[in-house]
Amino acid sequence: MASSITACVNVAFLVVLLLRKNALVVYGTTLLHMGRVCLAALFMGLGLWGVGSIVTLPAIFVTRAVWLTGMVMGGAALYAVLLHAFGVADLPDMLARIRGRLRRRAG
């Protein structure tokens, strides 16, 4: 968590410095796109928080690992669906790319 917060603060400082030096130009469409991505991430976080508050964390290590795997996979799926719903990414195209990468790794 600390690393993520540090990275976000670092990016914010770099953006401010680059904007002051006119080295960074952000167009309206890019801001709209970034806003949609942030909104999808917010809804994904809220969805996972809601599921986590309803489904309690198991006590046994193996079931904890399964629970965590399910939460990560569910969060990824929810994020992909939200990106598609907000018009950021095309869901069939994302699935095709994932299948292609899995085929290449399988050899």
PDB file of N, CA and C in Angstrom:
ATOM      1  N   MET A   1       0.821  -1.182   0.000  1.00  0.00           N
ATOM      2  CA  MET A   1       0.000   0.000   0.000  1.00  0.00           C
ATOM      3  C   MET A   1       0.872   1.255   0.000  1.00  0.00           C
ATOM      4  N   ALA A   2       1.923   1.227   0.801  1.00  0.00           N
ATOM      5  CA  ALA A   2       2.813   2.387   0.872  1.00  0.00           C
ATOM      6  C   ALA A   2       3.492   2.643  -0.470  1.00  0.00           C
ATOM      7  N   SER A   3       3.893   1.581  -1.147  1.00  0.00           N
ATOM      8  CA  SER A   3       4.533   1.740  -2.458  1.00  0.00           C
ATOM      9  C   SER A   3       3.571   2.333  -3.471  1.00  0.00           C
ATOM     10  N   SER A   4       2.329   1.905  -3.435  1.00  0.00           N
ATOM     11  CA  SER A   4       1.328   2.438  -4.358  1.00  0.00           C
ATOM     12  C   SER A   4       1.062   3.907  -4.101  1.00  0.00           C
ATOM     13  N   ILE A   5       0.950   4.266  -2.836  1.00  0.00           N
ATOM     14  CA  ILE A   5       0.712   5.666  -2.486  1.00  0.00           C
ATOM     15  C   ILE A   5       1.910   6.518  -2.896  1.00  0.00           C
ATOM     16  N   THR A   6       3.111   6.011  -2.650  1.00  0.00           N
ATOM     17  CA  THR A   6       4.322   6.735  -3.039  1.00  0.00           C
ATOM     18  C   THR A   6       4.382   6.923  -4.544  1.00  0.00           C
ATOM     19  N   ALA A   7       4.040   5.898  -5.300  1.00  0.00           N
ATOM     20  CA  ALA A   7       4.052   6.004  -6.755  1.00  0.00           C
ATOM     21  C   ALA A   7       3.033   7.038  -7.240  1.00  0.00           C
ATOM     22  N   CYS A   8       1.857   7.056  -6.636  1.00  0.00           N
ATOM     23  CA  CYS A   8       0.831   8.028  -7.027  1.00  0.00           C
ATOM     24  C   CYS A   8       1.273   9.456  -6.718  1.00  0.00           C
ATOM     25  N   VAL A   9       1.871   9.660  -5.562  1.00  0.00           N
ATOM     26  CA  VAL A   9       2.370  10.993  -5.203  1.00  0.00           C
ATOM     27  C   VAL A   9       3.483  11.408  -6.159  1.00  0.00           C
ATOM     28  N   ASN A  10       4.359  10.477  -6.498  1.00  0.00           N
ATOM     29  CA  ASN A  10       5.440  10.761  -7.439  1.00  0.00           C
ATOM     30  C   ASN A  10       4.887  11.179  -8.795  1.00  0.00           C
ATOM     31  N   VAL A  11       3.897  10.456  -9.296  1.00  0.00           N
ATOM     32  CA  VAL A  11       3.287  10.799 -10.581  1.00  0.00           C
ATOM     33  C   VAL A  11       2.645  12.183 -10.508  1.00  0.00           C
ATOM     34  N   ALA A  12       1.961  12.464  -9.406  1.00  0.00           N
ATOM     35  CA  ALA A  12       1.327  13.777  -9.258  1.00  0.00           C
ATOM     36  C   ALA A  12       2.366  14.898  -9.296  1.00  0.00           C
ATOM     37  N   PHE A  13       3.484  14.717  -8.584  1.00  0.00           N
ATOM     38  CA  PHE A  13       4.548  15.728  -8.606  1.00  0.00           C
ATOM     39  C   PHE A  13       5.129  15.895 -10.005  1.00  0.00           C
ATOM     40  N   LEU A  14       5.355  14.787 -10.702  1.00  0.00           N
ATOM     41  CA  LEU A  14       5.899  14.874 -12.060  1.00  0.00           C
ATOM     42  C   LEU A  14       4.934  15.579 -13.003  1.00  0.00           C
ATOM     43  N   VAL A  15       3.658  15.307 -12.877  1.00  0.00           N
ATOM     44  CA  VAL A  15       2.667  15.975 -13.724  1.00  0.00           C
ATOM     45  C   VAL A  15       2.685  17.478 -13.476  1.00  0.00           C
ATOM     46  N   VAL A  16       2.711  17.878 -12.212  1.00  0.00           N
ATOM     47  CA  VAL A  16       2.736  19.305 -11.883  1.00  0.00           C
ATOM     48  C   VAL A  16       3.991  19.961 -12.457  1.00  0.00           C
ATOM     49  N   LEU A  17       5.148  19.326 -12.284  1.00  0.00           N
ATOM     50  CA  LEU A  17       6.393  19.898 -12.805  1.00  0.00           C
ATOM     51  C   LEU A  17       6.380  19.992 -14.332  1.00  0.00           C
ATOM     52  N   LEU A  18       5.909  18.946 -14.994  1.00  0.00           N
ATOM     53  CA  LEU A  18       5.866  18.960 -16.456  1.00  0.00           C
ATOM     54  C   LEU A  18       4.863  19.985 -16.982  1.00  0.00           C
ATOM     55  N   LEU A  19       3.742  20.142 -16.301  1.00  0.00           N
ATOM     56  CA  LEU A  19       2.766  21.151 -16.720  1.00  0.00           C
ATOM     57  C   LEU A  19       3.326  22.558 -16.559  1.00  0.00           C
ATOM     58  N   ARG A  20       4.072  22.796 -15.480  1.00  0.00           N
ATOM     59  CA  ARG A  20       4.676  24.120 -15.262  1.00  0.00           C
ATOM     60  C   ARG A  20       5.690  24.463 -16.343  1.00  0.00           C
ATOM     61  N   LYS A  21       6.410  23.452 -16.835  1.00  0.00           N
ATOM     62  CA  LYS A  21       7.424  23.677 -17.868  1.00  0.00           C
ATOM     63  C   LYS A  21       6.849  23.566 -19.283  1.00  0.00           C
ATOM     64  N   ASN A  22       5.532  23.393 -19.367  1.00  0.00           N
ATOM     65  CA  ASN A  22       4.843  23.211 -20.657  1.00  0.00           C
ATOM     66  C   ASN A  22       5.406  22.033 -21.438  1.00  0.00           C
ATOM     67  N   ALA A  23       5.867  21.014 -20.734  1.00  0.00           N
ATOM     68  CA  ALA A  23       6.413  19.819 -21.378  1.00  0.00           C
ATOM     69  C   ALA A  23       5.353  18.725 -21.478  1.00  0.00           C
ATOM     70  N   LEU A  24       4.204  18.959 -20.886  1.00  0.00           N
ATOM     71  CA  LEU A  24       3.127  17.976 -20.918  1.00  0.00           C
ATOM     72  C   LEU A  24       1.858  18.671 -21.381  1.00  0.00           C
ATOM     73  N   VAL A  25       1.303  18.167 -22.457  1.00  0.00           N
ATOM     74  CA  VAL A  25       0.056  18.708 -22.979  1.00  0.00           C
ATOM     75  C   VAL A  25      -0.980  17.595 -22.913  1.00  0.00           C
ATOM     76  N   VAL A  26      -2.057  17.857 -22.198  1.00  0.00           N
ATOM     77  CA  VAL A  26      -3.120  16.867 -22.050  1.00  0.00           C
ATOM     78  C   VAL A  26      -4.366  17.426 -22.718  1.00  0.00           C
ATOM     79  N   TYR A  27      -4.857  16.703 -23.700  1.00  0.00           N
ATOM     80  CA  TYR A  27      -6.038  17.128 -24.431  1.00  0.00           C
ATOM     81  C   TYR A  27      -7.304  16.687 -23.713  1.00  0.00           C
ATOM     82  N   GLY A  28      -8.406  17.303 -24.049  1.00  0.00           N
ATOM     83  CA  GLY A  28      -9.678  17.011 -23.405  1.00  0.00           C
ATOM     84  C   GLY A  28     -10.109  15.564 -23.545  1.00  0.00           C
ATOM     85  N   THR A  29      -9.871  14.967 -24.713  1.00  0.00           N
ATOM     86  CA  THR A  29     -10.264  13.571 -24.908  1.00  0.00           C
ATOM     87  C   THR A  29      -9.444  12.643 -24.017  1.00  0.00           C
ATOM     88  N   THR A  30      -8.184  12.986 -23.807  1.00  0.00           N
ATOM     89  CA  THR A  30      -7.341  12.182 -22.923  1.00  0.00           C
ATOM     90  C   THR A  30      -7.823  12.279 -21.486  1.00  0.00           C
ATOM     91  N   LEU A  31      -8.206  13.477 -21.060  1.00  0.00           N
ATOM     92  CA  LEU A  31      -8.734  13.653 -19.709  1.00  0.00           C
ATOM     93  C   LEU A  31     -10.039  12.884 -19.527  1.00  0.00           C
ATOM     94  N   LEU A  32     -10.885  12.907 -20.542  1.00  0.00           N
ATOM     95  CA  LEU A  32     -12.139  12.161 -20.481  1.00  0.00           C
ATOM     96  C   LEU A  32     -11.871  10.661 -20.377  1.00  0.00           C
ATOM     97  N   HIS A  33     -10.921  10.190 -21.167  1.00  0.00           N
ATOM     98  CA  HIS A  33     -10.534   8.773 -21.146  1.00  0.00           C
ATOM     99  C   HIS A  33      -9.980   8.393 -19.771  1.00  0.00           C
ATOM    100  N   MET A  34      -9.102   9.228 -19.222  1.00  0.00           N
ATOM    101  CA  MET A  34      -8.521   8.959 -17.901  1.00  0.00           C
ATOM    102  C   MET A  34      -9.600   8.981 -16.823  1.00  0.00           C
ATOM    103  N   GLY A  35     -10.552   9.875 -16.948  1.00  0.00           N
ATOM    104  CA  GLY A  35     -11.649   9.939 -15.995  1.00  0.00           C
ATOM    105  C   GLY A  35     -12.491   8.670 -16.011  1.00  0.00           C
ATOM    106  N   ARG A  36     -12.737   8.148 -17.208  1.00  0.00           N
ATOM    107  CA  ARG A  36     -13.504   6.899 -17.320  1.00  0.00           C
ATOM    108  C   ARG A  36     -12.747   5.725 -16.710  1.00  0.00           C
ATOM    109  N   VAL A  37     -11.441   5.682 -16.917  1.00  0.00           N
ATOM    110  CA  VAL A  37     -10.621   4.615 -16.325  1.00  0.00           C
ATOM    111  C   VAL A  37     -10.648   4.721 -14.799  1.00  0.00           C
ATOM    112  N   CYS A  38     -10.519   5.942 -14.286  1.00  0.00           N
ATOM    113  CA  CYS A  38     -10.568   6.131 -12.825  1.00  0.00           C
ATOM    114  C   CYS A  38     -11.936   5.764 -12.267  1.00  0.00           C
ATOM    115  N   LEU A  39     -12.985   6.090 -12.996  1.00  0.00           N
ATOM    116  CA  LEU A  39     -14.330   5.739 -12.554  1.00  0.00           C
ATOM    117  C   LEU A  39     -14.517   4.225 -12.525  1.00  0.00           C
ATOM    118  N   ALA A  40     -14.001   3.535 -13.547  1.00  0.00           N
ATOM    119  CA  ALA A  40     -14.074   2.071 -13.570  1.00  0.00           C
ATOM    120  C   ALA A  40     -13.294   1.478 -12.402  1.00  0.00           C
ATOM    121  N   ALA A  41     -12.128   2.032 -12.107  1.00  0.00           N
ATOM    122  CA  ALA A  41     -11.327   1.536 -10.983  1.00  0.00           C
ATOM    123  C   ALA A  41     -12.043   1.781  -9.658  1.00  0.00           C
ATOM    124  N   LEU A  42     -12.689   2.936  -9.534  1.00  0.00           N
ATOM    125  CA  LEU A  42     -13.442   3.239  -8.317  1.00  0.00           C
ATOM    126  C   LEU A  42     -14.588   2.254  -8.116  1.00  0.00           C
ATOM    127  N   PHE A  43     -15.357   2.005  -9.180  1.00  0.00           N
ATOM    128  CA  PHE A  43     -16.476   1.061  -9.074  1.00  0.00           C
ATOM    129  C   PHE A  43     -15.992  -0.361  -8.808  1.00  0.00           C
ATOM    130  N   MET A  44     -14.854  -0.736  -9.396  1.00  0.00           N
ATOM    131  CA  MET A  44     -14.301  -2.061  -9.120  1.00  0.00           C
ATOM    132  C   MET A  44     -13.919  -2.171  -7.643  1.00  0.00           C
ATOM    133  N   GLY A  45     -13.253  -1.146  -7.132  1.00  0.00           N
ATOM    134  CA  GLY A  45     -12.873  -1.145  -5.725  1.00  0.00           C
ATOM    135  C   GLY A  45     -14.075  -1.214  -4.809  1.00  0.00           C
ATOM    136  N   LEU A  46     -15.113  -0.450  -5.126  1.00  0.00           N
ATOM    137  CA  LEU A  46     -16.330  -0.488  -4.321  1.00  0.00           C
ATOM    138  C   LEU A  46     -17.007  -1.853  -4.392  1.00  0.00           C
ATOM    139  N   GLY A  47     -16.992  -2.453  -5.588  1.00  0.00           N
ATOM    140  CA  GLY A  47     -17.583  -3.783  -5.739  1.00  0.00           C
ATOM    141  C   GLY A  47     -16.840  -4.831  -4.936  1.00  0.00           C
ATOM    142  N   LEU A  48     -15.521  -4.796  -4.993  1.00  0.00           N
ATOM    143  CA  LEU A  48     -14.730  -5.757  -4.222  1.00  0.00           C
ATOM    144  C   LEU A  48     -14.864  -5.520  -2.728  1.00  0.00           C
ATOM    145  N   TRP A  49     -14.932  -4.257  -2.335  1.00  0.00           N
ATOM    146  CA  TRP A  49     -15.126  -3.943  -0.925  1.00  0.00           C
ATOM    147  C   TRP A  49     -16.472  -4.478  -0.446  1.00  0.00           C
ATOM    148  N   GLY A  50     -17.502  -4.312  -1.275  1.00  0.00           N
ATOM    149  CA  GLY A  50     -18.825  -4.820  -0.921  1.00  0.00           C
ATOM    150  C   GLY A  50     -18.847  -6.333  -0.790  1.00  0.00           C
ATOM    151  N   VAL A  51     -18.240  -7.021  -1.759  1.00  0.00           N
ATOM    152  CA  VAL A  51     -18.187  -8.487  -1.692  1.00  0.00           C
ATOM    153  C   VAL A  51     -17.365  -8.924  -0.490  1.00  0.00           C
ATOM    154  N   GLY A  52     -16.257  -8.233  -0.226  1.00  0.00           N
ATOM    155  CA  GLY A  52     -15.412  -8.574   0.916  1.00  0.00           C
ATOM    156  C   GLY A  52     -16.107  -8.366   2.252  1.00  0.00           C
ATOM    157  N   SER A  53     -17.026  -7.418   2.305  1.00  0.00           N
ATOM    158  CA  SER A  53     -17.746  -7.202   3.555  1.00  0.00           C
ATOM    159  C   SER A  53     -18.870  -8.215   3.751  1.00  0.00           C
ATOM    160  N   ILE A  54     -19.352  -8.791   2.658  1.00  0.00           N
ATOM    161  CA  ILE A  54     -20.415  -9.803   2.749  1.00  0.00           C
ATOM    162  C   ILE A  54     -19.829 -11.195   2.961  1.00  0.00           C
ATOM    163  N   VAL A  55     -18.818 -11.538   2.173  1.00  0.00           N
ATOM    164  CA  VAL A  55     -18.182 -12.859   2.247  1.00  0.00           C
ATOM    165  C   VAL A  55     -16.951 -12.732   3.134  1.00  0.00           C
ATOM    166  N   THR A  56     -16.979 -13.349   4.283  1.00  0.00           N
ATOM    167  CA  THR A  56     -15.877 -13.203   5.234  1.00  0.00           C
ATOM    168  C   THR A  56     -14.662 -14.021   4.808  1.00  0.00           C
ATOM    169  N   LEU A  57     -13.510 -13.553   5.222  1.00  0.00           N
ATOM    170  CA  LEU A  57     -12.245 -14.216   4.926  1.00  0.00           C
ATOM    171  C   LEU A  57     -12.160 -15.512   5.726  1.00  0.00           C
ATOM    172  N   PRO A  58     -11.944 -16.651   5.057  1.00  0.00           N
ATOM    173  CA  PRO A  58     -11.853 -17.932   5.766  1.00  0.00           C
ATOM    174  C   PRO A  58     -10.625 -18.005   6.672  1.00  0.00           C
ATOM    175  N   ALA A  59     -10.664 -18.930   7.627  1.00  0.00           N
ATOM    176  CA  ALA A  59      -9.572 -19.070   8.597  1.00  0.00           C
ATOM    177  C   ALA A  59      -8.465 -19.992   8.102  1.00  0.00           C
ATOM    178  N   ILE A  60      -8.799 -20.984   7.302  1.00  0.00           N
ATOM    179  CA  ILE A  60      -7.812 -21.966   6.841  1.00  0.00           C
ATOM    180  C   ILE A  60      -7.033 -21.390   5.650  1.00  0.00           C
ATOM    181  N   PHE A  61      -5.711 -21.648   5.636  1.00  0.00           N
ATOM    182  CA  PHE A  61      -4.843 -21.062   4.620  1.00  0.00           C
ATOM    183  C   PHE A  61      -5.282 -21.390   3.198  1.00  0.00           C
ATOM    184  N   VAL A  62      -5.593 -22.645   2.931  1.00  0.00           N
ATOM    185  CA  VAL A  62      -5.945 -23.051   1.563  1.00  0.00           C
ATOM    186  C   VAL A  62      -7.214 -22.338   1.103  1.00  0.00           C
ATOM    187  N   THR A  63      -8.211 -22.273   1.964  1.00  0.00           N
ATOM    188  CA  THR A  63      -9.445 -21.585   1.579  1.00  0.00           C
ATOM    189  C   THR A  63      -9.227 -20.078   1.466  1.00  0.00           C
ATOM    190  N   ARG A  64      -8.288 -19.542   2.239  1.00  0.00           N
ATOM    191  CA  ARG A  64      -7.937 -18.127   2.091  1.00  0.00           C
ATOM    192  C   ARG A  64      -7.329 -17.872   0.722  1.00  0.00           C
ATOM    193  N   ALA A  65      -6.466 -18.770   0.297  1.00  0.00           N
ATOM    194  CA  ALA A  65      -5.832 -18.626  -1.009  1.00  0.00           C
ATOM    195  C   ALA A  65      -6.871 -18.707  -2.125  1.00  0.00           C
ATOM    196  N   VAL A  66      -7.812 -19.613  -1.999  1.00  0.00           N
ATOM    197  CA  VAL A  66      -8.884 -19.732  -2.996  1.00  0.00           C
ATOM    198  C   VAL A  66      -9.746 -18.469  -2.976  1.00  0.00           C
ATOM    199  N   TRP A  67     -10.057 -17.976  -1.784  1.00  0.00           N
ATOM    200  CA  TRP A  67     -10.859 -16.758  -1.640  1.00  0.00           C
ATOM    201  C   TRP A  67     -10.155 -15.577  -2.304  1.00  0.00           C
ATOM    202  N   LEU A  68      -8.862 -15.425  -2.021  1.00  0.00           N
ATOM    203  CA  LEU A  68      -8.097 -14.321  -2.597  1.00  0.00           C
ATOM    204  C   LEU A  68      -8.021 -14.443  -4.115  1.00  0.00           C
ATOM    205  N   THR A  69      -7.796 -15.660  -4.609  1.00  0.00           N
ATOM    206  CA  THR A  69      -7.759 -15.874  -6.056  1.00  0.00           C
ATOM    207  C   THR A  69      -9.080 -15.486  -6.690  1.00  0.00           C
ATOM    208  N   GLY A  70     -10.159 -15.878  -6.057  1.00  0.00           N
ATOM    209  CA  GLY A  70     -11.487 -15.520  -6.566  1.00  0.00           C
ATOM    210  C   GLY A  70     -11.721 -14.020  -6.567  1.00  0.00           C
ATOM    211  N   MET A  71     -11.264 -13.357  -5.516  1.00  0.00           N
ATOM    212  CA  MET A  71     -11.428 -11.901  -5.453  1.00  0.00           C
ATOM    213  C   MET A  71     -10.610 -11.200  -6.543  1.00  0.00           C
ATOM    214  N   VAL A  72      -9.387 -11.659  -6.764  1.00  0.00           N
ATOM    215  CA  VAL A  72      -8.545 -11.047  -7.795  1.00  0.00           C
ATOM    216  C   VAL A  72      -9.147 -11.281  -9.181  1.00  0.00           C
ATOM    217  N   MET A  73      -9.558 -12.509  -9.446  1.00  0.00           N
ATOM    218  CA  MET A  73     -10.142 -12.818 -10.755  1.00  0.00           C
ATOM    219  C   MET A  73     -11.480 -12.094 -10.941  1.00  0.00           C
ATOM    220  N   GLY A  74     -12.272 -12.044  -9.892  1.00  0.00           N
ATOM    221  CA  GLY A  74     -13.541 -11.322  -9.963  1.00  0.00           C
ATOM    222  C   GLY A  74     -13.332  -9.837 -10.180  1.00  0.00           C
ATOM    223  N   GLY A  75     -12.334  -9.268  -9.510  1.00  0.00           N
ATOM    224  CA  GLY A  75     -12.018  -7.858  -9.691  1.00  0.00           C
ATOM    225  C   GLY A  75     -11.552  -7.559 -11.107  1.00  0.00           C
ATOM    226  N   ALA A  76     -10.724  -8.436 -11.652  1.00  0.00           N
ATOM    227  CA  ALA A  76     -10.246  -8.251 -13.028  1.00  0.00           C
ATOM    228  C   ALA A  76     -11.405  -8.335 -14.022  1.00  0.00           C
ATOM    229  N   ALA A  77     -12.286  -9.291 -13.816  1.00  0.00           N
ATOM    230  CA  ALA A  77     -13.441  -9.442 -14.709  1.00  0.00           C
ATOM    231  C   ALA A  77     -14.366  -8.230 -14.595  1.00  0.00           C
ATOM    232  N   LEU A  78     -14.619  -7.780 -13.379  1.00  0.00           N
ATOM    233  CA  LEU A  78     -15.470  -6.611 -13.178  1.00  0.00           C
ATOM    234  C   LEU A  78     -14.852  -5.373 -13.819  1.00  0.00           C
ATOM    235  N   TYR A  79     -13.544  -5.209 -13.662  1.00  0.00           N
ATOM    236  CA  TYR A  79     -12.849  -4.064 -14.257  1.00  0.00           C
ATOM    237  C   TYR A  79     -12.954  -4.095 -15.780  1.00  0.00           C
ATOM    238  N   ALA A  80     -12.774  -5.268 -16.376  1.00  0.00           N
ATOM    239  CA  ALA A  80     -12.883  -5.394 -17.831  1.00  0.00           C
ATOM    240  C   ALA A  80     -14.290  -5.049 -18.305  1.00  0.00           C
ATOM    241  N   VAL A  81     -15.293  -5.534 -17.592  1.00  0.00           N
ATOM    242  CA  VAL A  81     -16.680  -5.239 -17.965  1.00  0.00           C
ATOM    243  C   VAL A  81     -16.960  -3.745 -17.815  1.00  0.00           C
ATOM    244  N   LEU A  82     -16.454  -3.137 -16.754  1.00  0.00           N
ATOM    245  CA  LEU A  82     -16.663  -1.700 -16.552  1.00  0.00           C
ATOM    246  C   LEU A  82     -15.955  -0.877 -17.627  1.00  0.00           C
ATOM    247  N   LEU A  83     -14.735  -1.263 -17.998  1.00  0.00           N
ATOM    248  CA  LEU A  83     -14.041  -0.556 -19.082  1.00  0.00           C
ATOM    249  C   LEU A  83     -14.831  -0.642 -20.379  1.00  0.00           C
ATOM    250  N   HIS A  84     -15.414  -1.798 -20.631  1.00  0.00           N
ATOM    251  CA  HIS A  84     -16.246  -1.969 -21.828  1.00  0.00           C
ATOM    252  C   HIS A  84     -17.503  -1.101 -21.717  1.00  0.00           C
ATOM    253  N   ALA A  85     -18.141  -1.107 -20.545  1.00  0.00           N
ATOM    254  CA  ALA A  85     -19.377  -0.344 -20.362  1.00  0.00           C
ATOM    255  C   ALA A  85     -19.135   1.159 -20.498  1.00  0.00           C
ATOM    256  N   PHE A  86     -17.976   1.639 -20.064  1.00  0.00           N
ATOM    257  CA  PHE A  86     -17.659   3.061 -20.148  1.00  0.00           C
ATOM    258  C   PHE A  86     -17.054   3.452 -21.497  1.00  0.00           C
ATOM    259  N   GLY A  87     -16.912   2.488 -22.398  1.00  0.00           N
ATOM    260  CA  GLY A  87     -16.410   2.777 -23.734  1.00  0.00           C
ATOM    261  C   GLY A  87     -14.909   2.973 -23.819  1.00  0.00           C
ATOM    262  N   VAL A  88     -14.183   2.486 -22.837  1.00  0.00           N
ATOM    263  CA  VAL A  88     -12.728   2.632 -22.841  1.00  0.00           C
ATOM    264  C   VAL A  88     -12.082   1.523 -23.654  1.00  0.00           C
ATOM    265  N   ALA A  89     -12.581   0.313 -23.514  1.00  0.00           N
ATOM    266  CA  ALA A  89     -11.995  -0.846 -24.197  1.00  0.00           C
ATOM    267  C   ALA A  89     -13.105  -1.739 -24.735  1.00  0.00           C
ATOM    268  N   ASP A  90     -12.763  -2.522 -25.731  1.00  0.00           N
ATOM    269  CA  ASP A  90     -13.711  -3.446 -26.338  1.00  0.00           C
ATOM    270  C   ASP A  90     -13.512  -4.822 -25.709  1.00  0.00           C
ATOM    271  N   LEU A  91     -14.537  -5.329 -25.029  1.00  0.00           N
ATOM    272  CA  LEU A  91     -14.432  -6.593 -24.301  1.00  0.00           C
ATOM    273  C   LEU A  91     -14.075  -7.774 -25.203  1.00  0.00           C
ATOM    274  N   PRO A  92     -14.732  -7.961 -26.347  1.00  0.00           N
ATOM    275  CA  PRO A  92     -14.328  -9.081 -27.218  1.00  0.00           C
ATOM    276  C   PRO A  92     -12.864  -8.990 -27.669  1.00  0.00           C
ATOM    277  N   ASP A  93     -12.398  -7.772 -27.914  1.00  0.00           N
ATOM    278  CA  ASP A  93     -10.997  -7.588 -28.308  1.00  0.00           C
ATOM    279  C   ASP A  93     -10.058  -7.952 -27.150  1.00  0.00           C
ATOM    280  N   MET A  94     -10.418  -7.562 -25.920  1.00  0.00           N
ATOM    281  CA  MET A  94      -9.599  -7.925 -24.762  1.00  0.00           C
ATOM    282  C   MET A  94      -9.518  -9.436 -24.599  1.00  0.00           C
ATOM    283  N   LEU A  95     -10.668 -10.096 -24.723  1.00  0.00           N
ATOM    284  CA  LEU A  95     -10.684 -11.561 -24.582  1.00  0.00           C
ATOM    285  C   LEU A  95      -9.858 -12.237 -25.675  1.00  0.00           C
ATOM    286  N   ALA A  96      -9.926 -11.721 -26.898  1.00  0.00           N
ATOM    287  CA  ALA A  96      -9.133 -12.289 -27.995  1.00  0.00           C
ATOM    288  C   ALA A  96      -7.640 -12.131 -27.730  1.00  0.00           C
ATOM    289  N   ARG A  97      -7.249 -10.987 -27.193  1.00  0.00           N
ATOM    290  CA  ARG A  97      -5.826 -10.775 -26.872  1.00  0.00           C
ATOM    291  C   ARG A  97      -5.360 -11.713 -25.766  1.00  0.00           C
ATOM    292  N   ILE A  98      -6.188 -11.901 -24.753  1.00  0.00           N
ATOM    293  CA  ILE A  98      -5.824 -12.810 -23.660  1.00  0.00           C
ATOM    294  C   ILE A  98      -5.687 -14.222 -24.182  1.00  0.00           C
ATOM    295  N   ARG A  99      -6.631 -14.661 -25.008  1.00  0.00           N
ATOM    296  CA  ARG A  99      -6.540 -16.008 -25.592  1.00  0.00           C
ATOM    297  C   ARG A  99      -5.283 -16.157 -26.430  1.00  0.00           C
ATOM    298  N   GLY A 100      -4.942 -15.131 -27.210  1.00  0.00           N
ATOM    299  CA  GLY A 100      -3.740 -15.181 -28.034  1.00  0.00           C
ATOM    300  C   GLY A 100      -2.480 -15.305 -27.199  1.00  0.00           C
ATOM    301  N   ARG A 101      -2.408 -14.576 -26.112  1.00  0.00           N
ATOM    302  CA  ARG A 101      -1.227 -14.662 -25.242  1.00  0.00           C
ATOM    303  C   ARG A 101      -1.147 -16.031 -24.562  1.00  0.00           C
ATOM    304  N   LEU A 102      -2.274 -16.559 -24.156  1.00  0.00           N
ATOM    305  CA  LEU A 102      -2.266 -17.866 -23.529  1.00  0.00           C
ATOM    306  C   LEU A 102      -1.844 -18.956 -24.513  1.00  0.00           C
ATOM    307  N   ARG A 103      -2.270 -18.815 -25.764  1.00  0.00           N
ATOM    308  CA  ARG A 103      -1.860 -19.787 -26.793  1.00  0.00           C
ATOM    309  C   ARG A 103      -0.368 -19.723 -27.047  1.00  0.00           C
ATOM    310  N   ARG A 104       0.174 -18.495 -27.096  1.00  0.00           N
ATOM    311  CA  ARG A 104       1.615 -18.354 -27.326  1.00  0.00           C
ATOM    312  C   ARG A 104       2.435 -18.944 -26.196  1.00  0.00           C
ATOM    313  N   ARG A 105       1.969 -18.770 -24.978  1.00  0.00           N
ATOM    314  CA  ARG A 105       2.696 -19.330 -23.834  1.00  0.00           C
ATOM    315  C   ARG A 105       2.580 -20.838 -23.783  1.00  0.00           C
ATOM    316  N   ALA A 106       1.457 -21.362 -24.219  1.00  0.00           N
ATOM    317  CA  ALA A 106       1.267 -22.817 -24.205  1.00  0.00           C
ATOM    318  C   ALA A 106       2.148 -23.469 -25.276  1.00  0.00           C
ATOM    319  N   GLY A 107       2.470 -22.696 -26.286  1.00  0.00           N
ATOM    320  CA  GLY A 107       3.386 -23.160 -27.315  1.00  0.00           C
ATOM    321  C   GLY A 107       2.749 -23.996 -28.299  1.00  0.00           C
TER     322      GLY A 107
END
